[in-house]
Amino acid sequence: MAKRTKVELESIVEIPLVESAIDWLIQKEINIYNLENGTKFKDINSMQKYTRNTSYSHYDFAISVLDWNENVWEVSRQLQIDIVSGQQEKPANVKSFIAFLPTRV
């Protein structure tokens, strides 16, 4: 099967909606951590700078959220490929798509 273009994928799996939902899912975890720990981490893109010093008090969170973020996006992309190739049925909606993604532990 030929590789699909981004436009074809968008029409099949609603990529913009899915990407927005994933961004929200990841930001939600950061926001929860901020509330519980009195921190003000801005977003996933700013987390890398908090992984330089292993003795930093929020180092473990920074590492875990970055690893989880990467895993979520890898699973999401593979799920999209599987949907396009017919190996996976298209979820009924974005919420159903998100249910396939890994949770942060």
Protein backbone atom coordinates (compact mmCIF):
# COMPACT_ATOMS: atom_id res chain seq x y z
CA MET A 1 0.00 0.00 0.00
CA ALA A 2 1.33 3.44 -0.92
CA LYS A 3 2.12 5.89 1.84
CA ARG A 4 -0.72 8.31 2.47
CA THR A 5 -0.24 12.06 2.39
CA LYS A 6 -0.94 14.19 5.44
CA VAL A 7 -4.09 15.52 3.73
CA GLU A 8 -5.36 11.95 3.27
CA LEU A 9 -4.56 11.13 6.88
CA GLU A 10 -6.29 14.27 8.12
CA SER A 11 -9.48 13.31 6.35
CA ILE A 12 -9.33 9.79 7.73
CA VAL A 13 -8.35 10.30 11.36
CA GLU A 14 -9.05 13.96 12.02
CA ILE A 15 -5.40 14.74 12.76
CA PRO A 16 -5.88 18.37 13.80
CA LEU A 17 -8.51 17.41 16.37
CA VAL A 18 -6.46 14.48 17.60
CA GLU A 19 -3.30 16.57 17.91
CA SER A 20 -5.15 19.25 19.86
CA ALA A 21 -6.59 16.61 22.18
CA ILE A 22 -3.15 15.07 22.74
CA ASP A 23 -1.65 18.49 23.45
CA TRP A 24 -4.44 19.08 25.98
CA LEU A 25 -3.91 15.64 27.56
CA ILE A 26 -0.20 16.32 28.08
CA GLN A 27 -0.74 19.88 29.32
CA LYS A 28 -3.36 18.62 31.76
CA GLU A 29 -0.75 16.39 33.44
CA ILE A 30 1.64 19.34 33.74
CA ASN A 31 -1.11 21.55 35.15
CA ILE A 32 -2.08 18.92 37.73
CA TYR A 33 1.54 18.59 38.80
CA ASN A 34 1.83 22.37 39.05
CA LEU A 35 -1.23 22.57 41.30
CA GLU A 36 -0.11 19.70 43.52
CA ASN A 37 3.48 20.92 43.86
CA GLY A 38 3.30 24.71 43.73
CA THR A 39 5.29 24.79 40.50
CA LYS A 40 4.71 26.76 37.32
CA PHE A 41 6.01 24.57 34.51
CA LYS A 42 4.79 26.21 31.32
CA ASP A 43 4.41 23.30 28.89
CA ILE A 44 6.03 20.15 27.55
CA ASN A 45 8.38 22.17 25.36
CA SER A 46 9.94 23.80 28.41
CA MET A 47 10.44 20.58 30.38
CA GLN A 48 13.76 19.58 28.79
CA LYS A 49 15.64 22.33 30.61
CA TYR A 50 14.65 20.78 33.94
CA THR A 51 16.43 17.49 33.15
CA ARG A 52 20.01 18.78 33.20
CA ASN A 53 20.51 18.49 36.95
CA THR A 54 19.61 15.09 38.40
CA SER A 55 19.44 16.54 41.90
CA TYR A 56 16.76 19.08 40.93
CA SER A 57 13.72 18.43 43.12
CA HIS A 58 11.37 18.06 40.14
CA TYR A 59 13.80 16.10 37.96
CA ASP A 60 11.85 12.83 38.19
CA PHE A 61 8.66 14.52 37.05
CA ALA A 62 10.42 16.26 34.17
CA ILE A 63 11.93 12.98 32.95
CA SER A 64 8.72 11.01 33.37
CA VAL A 65 6.50 13.53 31.60
CA LEU A 66 8.96 13.83 28.70
CA ASP A 67 9.16 10.04 28.34
CA TRP A 68 5.38 9.74 28.52
CA ASN A 69 4.96 12.55 25.97
CA GLU A 70 7.22 10.72 23.53
CA ASN A 71 5.37 7.45 24.09
CA VAL A 72 1.97 9.09 23.57
CA TRP A 73 3.04 10.58 20.24
CA GLU A 74 4.64 7.32 19.05
CA VAL A 75 1.50 5.33 19.89
CA SER A 76 -0.68 8.00 18.28
CA ARG A 77 1.28 7.95 15.02
CA GLN A 78 1.26 4.16 14.89
CA LEU A 79 -2.47 4.10 15.56
CA GLN A 80 -3.02 6.54 12.69
CA ILE A 81 -0.93 4.33 10.38
CA ASP A 82 -2.90 1.25 11.47
CA ILE A 83 -6.20 3.02 10.81
CA VAL A 84 -5.12 4.13 7.35
CA SER A 85 -3.84 0.64 6.47
CA GLY A 86 -7.07 -0.98 7.68
CA GLN A 87 -5.40 -2.87 10.55
CA GLN A 88 -7.34 -0.86 13.12
CA GLU A 89 -10.91 0.34 12.98
CA LYS A 90 -11.23 4.11 13.11
CA PRO A 91 -12.39 5.22 16.57
CA ALA A 92 -15.83 6.80 16.61
CA ASN A 93 -14.50 10.12 17.87
CA VAL A 94 -11.44 11.87 19.25
CA LYS A 95 -12.24 10.81 22.82
CA SER A 96 -12.24 7.17 21.68
CA PHE A 97 -8.90 7.72 19.93
CA ILE A 98 -7.40 9.20 23.11
CA ALA A 99 -8.54 6.12 25.04
CA PHE A 100 -6.02 4.06 23.04
CA LEU A 101 -3.11 6.17 24.30
CA PRO A 102 -0.90 5.30 27.26
CA THR A 103 -1.51 6.93 30.60
CA ARG A 104 1.28 8.47 32.66
CA VAL A 105 2.37 6.40 35.62
